[in-house]
Amino acid sequence: MLTILSCLYLIYGFILFYTYTKGYSLLRYLLKRKNINTQLSIEFLFIIFTSLIVFTSQPTNWIVGLIMLFHVGGVVWIISNPDSYYSMAEDPSIDIDSLEFATSIIVIGIGIFVYFSKLI
């Protein structure tokens, strides 16, 4: 199951990076207010997979548990205070190109980290 979750993160990260380099940005698409359902669907997919790992593995994989908490926190933030979330995303002081590159690298890094978490 860790391998599947790791592959999902790697695929998602490479898609984010590929769309950024080709000029069509998946991240910019997801950060638009009208695409909230798509963004929440992706988050819920990762919450489901991480929770399956956390609640079925013995001993508990605390690394995946922390990642799951970050996903849950993001969903709670989007649902409870969408105006704050989207005002942050639309802030002109944020360099969206750097954000896109950093997001893709972070997601790929999380995929690698999840894969090697079974060794810890």
N, C-alpha and C. Protein backbone atom coordinates (compact mmCIF):
# COMPACT_ATOMS: atom_id res chain seq x y z
N MET A 1 0.82 -1.19 0.00
CA MET A 1 0.00 0.00 0.00
C MET A 1 0.87 1.26 0.00
N LEU A 2 2.01 1.20 0.70
CA LEU A 2 2.92 2.35 0.68
C LEU A 2 3.45 2.62 -0.72
N THR A 3 3.68 1.56 -1.47
CA THR A 3 4.17 1.74 -2.83
C THR A 3 3.12 2.42 -3.71
N ILE A 4 1.86 2.05 -3.52
CA ILE A 4 0.78 2.67 -4.30
C ILE A 4 0.67 4.15 -3.96
N LEU A 5 0.70 4.47 -2.66
CA LEU A 5 0.62 5.87 -2.24
C LEU A 5 1.82 6.66 -2.76
N SER A 6 2.98 6.07 -2.67
CA SER A 6 4.19 6.72 -3.17
C SER A 6 4.08 6.99 -4.67
N CYS A 7 3.60 6.02 -5.41
CA CYS A 7 3.43 6.19 -6.85
C CYS A 7 2.40 7.28 -7.17
N LEU A 8 1.33 7.36 -6.37
CA LEU A 8 0.34 8.42 -6.58
C LEU A 8 0.96 9.80 -6.39
N TYR A 9 1.76 9.94 -5.33
CA TYR A 9 2.43 11.23 -5.11
C TYR A 9 3.40 11.54 -6.24
N LEU A 10 4.17 10.55 -6.66
CA LEU A 10 5.14 10.78 -7.74
C LEU A 10 4.45 11.16 -9.04
N ILE A 11 3.37 10.47 -9.37
CA ILE A 11 2.63 10.77 -10.59
C ILE A 11 2.03 12.17 -10.52
N TYR A 12 1.44 12.50 -9.37
CA TYR A 12 0.85 13.82 -9.19
C TYR A 12 1.92 14.91 -9.28
N GLY A 13 3.06 14.67 -8.67
CA GLY A 13 4.16 15.64 -8.74
C GLY A 13 4.69 15.82 -10.15
N PHE A 14 4.85 14.72 -10.87
CA PHE A 14 5.34 14.83 -12.25
C PHE A 14 4.31 15.49 -13.17
N ILE A 15 3.03 15.26 -12.91
CA ILE A 15 2.00 15.94 -13.70
C ILE A 15 2.03 17.44 -13.41
N LEU A 16 2.17 17.81 -12.13
CA LEU A 16 2.29 19.23 -11.80
C LEU A 16 3.50 19.86 -12.48
N PHE A 17 4.63 19.16 -12.46
CA PHE A 17 5.85 19.69 -13.07
C PHE A 17 5.73 19.75 -14.59
N TYR A 18 5.18 18.71 -15.20
CA TYR A 18 5.04 18.67 -16.65
C TYR A 18 4.12 19.79 -17.15
N THR A 19 2.98 19.96 -16.47
CA THR A 19 2.06 21.01 -16.91
C THR A 19 2.66 22.40 -16.70
N TYR A 20 3.49 22.54 -15.67
CA TYR A 20 4.17 23.82 -15.44
C TYR A 20 5.16 24.11 -16.56
N THR A 21 5.93 23.11 -16.97
CA THR A 21 6.94 23.34 -18.00
C THR A 21 6.32 23.52 -19.39
N LYS A 22 5.15 22.97 -19.62
CA LYS A 22 4.51 23.09 -20.93
C LYS A 22 3.61 24.31 -21.06
N GLY A 23 3.49 25.10 -19.99
CA GLY A 23 2.72 26.32 -20.09
C GLY A 23 1.29 26.21 -19.60
N TYR A 24 0.77 24.99 -19.51
CA TYR A 24 -0.56 24.81 -18.93
C TYR A 24 -0.35 24.36 -17.49
N SER A 25 -0.84 25.11 -16.57
CA SER A 25 -0.56 24.86 -15.17
C SER A 25 -1.73 24.19 -14.47
N LEU A 26 -1.51 22.97 -14.01
CA LEU A 26 -2.53 22.27 -13.24
C LEU A 26 -2.75 22.97 -11.90
N LEU A 27 -1.69 23.48 -11.30
CA LEU A 27 -1.82 24.16 -10.01
C LEU A 27 -2.67 25.42 -10.14
N ARG A 28 -2.44 26.20 -11.19
CA ARG A 28 -3.26 27.41 -11.38
C ARG A 28 -4.71 27.03 -11.62
N TYR A 29 -4.93 25.93 -12.31
CA TYR A 29 -6.28 25.44 -12.53
C TYR A 29 -6.94 25.07 -11.20
N LEU A 30 -6.19 24.37 -10.35
CA LEU A 30 -6.74 23.94 -9.07
C LEU A 30 -6.96 25.10 -8.10
N LEU A 31 -6.21 26.18 -8.24
CA LEU A 31 -6.33 27.31 -7.33
C LEU A 31 -7.43 28.29 -7.72
N LYS A 32 -8.18 27.98 -8.77
CA LYS A 32 -9.32 28.82 -9.12
C LYS A 32 -10.53 28.38 -8.30
N ARG A 33 -11.30 29.35 -7.87
CA ARG A 33 -12.43 29.09 -6.99
C ARG A 33 -13.46 28.14 -7.61
N LYS A 34 -13.64 28.21 -8.92
CA LYS A 34 -14.66 27.37 -9.55
C LYS A 34 -14.26 25.90 -9.62
N ASN A 35 -12.98 25.59 -9.37
CA ASN A 35 -12.50 24.21 -9.45
C ASN A 35 -12.29 23.60 -8.07
N ILE A 36 -13.07 24.04 -7.10
CA ILE A 36 -12.92 23.55 -5.74
C ILE A 36 -13.24 22.06 -5.64
N ASN A 37 -14.20 21.59 -6.41
CA ASN A 37 -14.56 20.17 -6.33
C ASN A 37 -13.43 19.28 -6.82
N THR A 38 -12.73 19.70 -7.85
CA THR A 38 -11.59 18.93 -8.36
C THR A 38 -10.48 18.89 -7.31
N GLN A 39 -10.20 20.01 -6.72
CA GLN A 39 -9.15 20.07 -5.71
C GLN A 39 -9.51 19.23 -4.49
N LEU A 40 -10.75 19.31 -4.04
CA LEU A 40 -11.17 18.51 -2.90
C LEU A 40 -11.18 17.02 -3.23
N SER A 41 -11.50 16.67 -4.46
CA SER A 41 -11.46 15.26 -4.86
C SER A 41 -10.05 14.69 -4.78
N ILE A 42 -9.08 15.47 -5.24
CA ILE A 42 -7.69 15.03 -5.16
C ILE A 42 -7.26 14.90 -3.71
N GLU A 43 -7.63 15.87 -2.88
CA GLU A 43 -7.28 15.81 -1.45
C GLU A 43 -7.92 14.61 -0.78
N PHE A 44 -9.20 14.35 -1.07
CA PHE A 44 -9.88 13.21 -0.45
C PHE A 44 -9.27 11.89 -0.90
N LEU A 45 -8.80 11.80 -2.13
CA LEU A 45 -8.12 10.60 -2.60
C LEU A 45 -6.88 10.33 -1.76
N PHE A 46 -6.09 11.37 -1.52
CA PHE A 46 -4.89 11.19 -0.70
C PHE A 46 -5.24 10.92 0.76
N ILE A 47 -6.31 11.52 1.27
CA ILE A 47 -6.74 11.24 2.64
C ILE A 47 -7.16 9.78 2.79
N ILE A 48 -7.87 9.26 1.82
CA ILE A 48 -8.31 7.87 1.87
C ILE A 48 -7.12 6.92 1.88
N PHE A 49 -6.17 7.12 0.98
CA PHE A 49 -5.02 6.23 0.92
C PHE A 49 -4.14 6.34 2.16
N THR A 50 -3.91 7.57 2.64
CA THR A 50 -3.07 7.71 3.82
C THR A 50 -3.76 7.14 5.06
N SER A 51 -5.07 7.31 5.17
CA SER A 51 -5.77 6.76 6.33
C SER A 51 -5.79 5.24 6.30
N LEU A 52 -5.88 4.65 5.12
CA LEU A 52 -5.80 3.19 5.03
C LEU A 52 -4.46 2.69 5.55
N ILE A 53 -3.41 3.39 5.22
CA ILE A 53 -2.09 2.98 5.69
C ILE A 53 -1.97 3.20 7.19
N VAL A 54 -2.40 4.35 7.68
CA VAL A 54 -2.24 4.67 9.10
C VAL A 54 -3.06 3.72 9.97
N PHE A 55 -4.28 3.44 9.58
CA PHE A 55 -5.17 2.66 10.44
C PHE A 55 -5.05 1.15 10.26
N THR A 56 -4.32 0.69 9.26
CA THR A 56 -4.19 -0.75 9.07
C THR A 56 -2.78 -1.27 9.28
N SER A 57 -1.81 -0.39 9.43
CA SER A 57 -0.43 -0.87 9.58
C SER A 57 -0.06 -0.94 11.06
N GLN A 58 0.68 -1.97 11.38
CA GLN A 58 1.20 -2.15 12.74
C GLN A 58 2.69 -2.32 12.64
N PRO A 59 3.52 -1.55 13.24
CA PRO A 59 3.20 -0.36 14.03
C PRO A 59 2.76 0.77 13.10
N THR A 60 2.11 1.74 13.69
CA THR A 60 1.57 2.86 12.92
C THR A 60 2.69 3.63 12.24
N ASN A 61 2.50 3.92 10.98
CA ASN A 61 3.46 4.69 10.20
C ASN A 61 3.21 6.17 10.50
N TRP A 62 3.98 6.74 11.40
CA TRP A 62 3.75 8.12 11.87
C TRP A 62 4.06 9.14 10.78
N ILE A 63 4.94 8.82 9.85
CA ILE A 63 5.25 9.75 8.76
C ILE A 63 4.03 9.95 7.87
N VAL A 64 3.40 8.85 7.50
CA VAL A 64 2.20 8.94 6.67
C VAL A 64 1.07 9.57 7.47
N GLY A 65 1.05 9.35 8.78
CA GLY A 65 0.05 9.98 9.64
C GLY A 65 0.18 11.50 9.63
N LEU A 66 1.40 12.01 9.67
CA LEU A 66 1.61 13.45 9.60
C LEU A 66 1.17 14.02 8.25
N ILE A 67 1.48 13.30 7.20
CA ILE A 67 1.06 13.74 5.86
C ILE A 67 -0.46 13.75 5.77
N MET A 68 -1.10 12.74 6.37
CA MET A 68 -2.56 12.69 6.37
C MET A 68 -3.13 13.90 7.11
N LEU A 69 -2.52 14.27 8.23
CA LEU A 69 -2.99 15.44 8.98
C LEU A 69 -2.87 16.72 8.17
N PHE A 70 -1.81 16.85 7.37
CA PHE A 70 -1.67 18.02 6.51
C PHE A 70 -2.78 18.07 5.46
N HIS A 71 -3.11 16.92 4.88
CA HIS A 71 -4.21 16.87 3.91
C HIS A 71 -5.54 17.23 4.58
N VAL A 72 -5.79 16.67 5.75
CA VAL A 72 -7.04 16.96 6.47
C VAL A 72 -7.10 18.44 6.83
N GLY A 73 -5.98 19.00 7.28
CA GLY A 73 -5.94 20.42 7.61
C GLY A 73 -6.23 21.30 6.41
N GLY A 74 -5.70 20.92 5.24
CA GLY A 74 -5.97 21.67 4.02
C GLY A 74 -7.43 21.62 3.63
N VAL A 75 -8.04 20.45 3.75
CA VAL A 75 -9.46 20.31 3.41
C VAL A 75 -10.32 21.12 4.38
N VAL A 76 -9.98 21.06 5.66
CA VAL A 76 -10.74 21.83 6.65
C VAL A 76 -10.62 23.32 6.36
N TRP A 77 -9.43 23.77 5.99
CA TRP A 77 -9.23 25.18 5.68
C TRP A 77 -10.05 25.60 4.46
N ILE A 78 -10.02 24.78 3.41
CA ILE A 78 -10.76 25.11 2.18
C ILE A 78 -12.26 25.14 2.45
N ILE A 79 -12.76 24.19 3.22
CA ILE A 79 -14.20 24.10 3.46
C ILE A 79 -14.66 25.16 4.46
N SER A 80 -13.90 25.36 5.53
CA SER A 80 -14.36 26.26 6.58
C SER A 80 -14.15 27.74 6.26
N ASN A 81 -13.08 28.06 5.53
CA ASN A 81 -12.79 29.46 5.24
C ASN A 81 -12.25 29.62 3.82
N PRO A 82 -13.09 29.39 2.82
CA PRO A 82 -12.60 29.46 1.44
C PRO A 82 -12.13 30.85 1.02
N ASP A 83 -12.72 31.88 1.60
CA ASP A 83 -12.29 33.24 1.24
C ASP A 83 -10.84 33.48 1.62
N SER A 84 -10.44 33.03 2.78
CA SER A 84 -9.05 33.17 3.22
C SER A 84 -8.12 32.37 2.32
N TYR A 85 -8.53 31.15 1.98
CA TYR A 85 -7.71 30.28 1.13
C TYR A 85 -7.50 30.90 -0.24
N TYR A 86 -8.58 31.34 -0.86
CA TYR A 86 -8.46 31.87 -2.22
C TYR A 86 -7.85 33.26 -2.25
N SER A 87 -7.99 34.04 -1.19
CA SER A 87 -7.30 35.32 -1.16
C SER A 87 -5.80 35.11 -1.04
N MET A 88 -5.38 34.05 -0.33
CA MET A 88 -3.97 33.71 -0.26
C MET A 88 -3.47 33.27 -1.63
N ALA A 89 -4.26 32.48 -2.32
CA ALA A 89 -3.86 31.97 -3.63
C ALA A 89 -3.80 33.07 -4.68
N GLU A 90 -4.63 34.11 -4.52
CA GLU A 90 -4.68 35.20 -5.50
C GLU A 90 -3.85 36.41 -5.09
N ASP A 91 -3.08 36.28 -4.01
CA ASP A 91 -2.27 37.40 -3.53
C ASP A 91 -1.22 37.76 -4.57
N PRO A 92 -1.16 39.03 -5.00
CA PRO A 92 -0.21 39.42 -6.05
C PRO A 92 1.25 39.37 -5.60
N SER A 93 1.49 39.33 -4.31
CA SER A 93 2.88 39.29 -3.84
C SER A 93 3.49 37.89 -3.94
N ILE A 94 2.67 36.88 -4.20
CA ILE A 94 3.16 35.51 -4.34
C ILE A 94 3.60 35.28 -5.78
N ASP A 95 4.83 34.81 -5.94
CA ASP A 95 5.35 34.45 -7.26
C ASP A 95 4.81 33.07 -7.62
N ILE A 96 3.81 33.03 -8.48
CA ILE A 96 3.12 31.79 -8.79
C ILE A 96 4.03 30.79 -9.50
N ASP A 97 5.00 31.28 -10.30
CA ASP A 97 5.92 30.37 -10.97
C ASP A 97 6.79 29.62 -9.96
N SER A 98 7.29 30.33 -8.97
CA SER A 98 8.09 29.68 -7.93
C SER A 98 7.22 28.72 -7.12
N LEU A 99 5.99 29.12 -6.86
CA LEU A 99 5.07 28.26 -6.12
C LEU A 99 4.79 26.97 -6.88
N GLU A 100 4.60 27.07 -8.19
CA GLU A 100 4.34 25.88 -9.00
C GLU A 100 5.53 24.93 -8.98
N PHE A 101 6.72 25.47 -9.17
CA PHE A 101 7.91 24.63 -9.18
C PHE A 101 8.12 23.99 -7.80
N ALA A 102 7.98 24.79 -6.76
CA ALA A 102 8.18 24.27 -5.40
C ALA A 102 7.13 23.21 -5.05
N THR A 103 5.90 23.42 -5.46
CA THR A 103 4.84 22.45 -5.18
C THR A 103 5.13 21.12 -5.85
N SER A 104 5.55 21.15 -7.10
CA SER A 104 5.84 19.89 -7.79
C SER A 104 7.02 19.17 -7.14
N ILE A 105 8.05 19.90 -6.74
CA ILE A 105 9.21 19.28 -6.10
C ILE A 105 8.83 18.73 -4.73
N ILE A 106 8.01 19.45 -3.98
CA ILE A 106 7.58 18.99 -2.65
C ILE A 106 6.74 17.72 -2.77
N VAL A 107 5.83 17.68 -3.73
CA VAL A 107 4.99 16.48 -3.90
C VAL A 107 5.84 15.28 -4.32
N ILE A 108 6.79 15.48 -5.20
CA ILE A 108 7.70 14.39 -5.58
C ILE A 108 8.52 13.96 -4.36
N GLY A 109 8.98 14.93 -3.57
CA GLY A 109 9.74 14.60 -2.36
C GLY A 109 8.91 13.82 -1.36
N ILE A 110 7.64 14.17 -1.21
CA ILE A 110 6.76 13.43 -0.32
C ILE A 110 6.60 12.00 -0.82
N GLY A 111 6.48 11.82 -2.13
CA GLY A 111 6.38 10.47 -2.69
C GLY A 111 7.60 9.63 -2.36
N ILE A 112 8.78 10.21 -2.48
CA ILE A 112 10.01 9.49 -2.15
C ILE A 112 10.07 9.21 -0.65
N PHE A 113 9.69 10.21 0.15
CA PHE A 113 9.70 10.07 1.60
C PHE A 113 8.74 8.97 2.06
N VAL A 114 7.56 8.90 1.46
CA VAL A 114 6.59 7.87 1.81
C VAL A 114 7.13 6.49 1.44
N TYR A 115 7.78 6.38 0.29
CA TYR A 115 8.32 5.10 -0.12
C TYR A 115 9.37 4.59 0.87
N PHE A 116 10.22 5.48 1.33
CA PHE A 116 11.27 5.07 2.25
C PHE A 116 10.81 5.06 3.72
N SER A 117 9.58 5.45 3.98
CA SER A 117 9.08 5.45 5.36
C SER A 117 8.92 4.04 5.90
N LYS A 118 8.80 3.06 5.03
CA LYS A 118 8.67 1.69 5.51
C LYS A 118 10.00 1.18 6.08
N LEU A 119 11.09 1.87 5.78
CA LEU A 119 12.38 1.47 6.32
C LEU A 119 12.64 2.05 7.69
N ILE A 120 11.89 3.08 8.04
CA ILE A 120 12.13 3.76 9.32
C ILE A 120 11.41 3.05 10.44
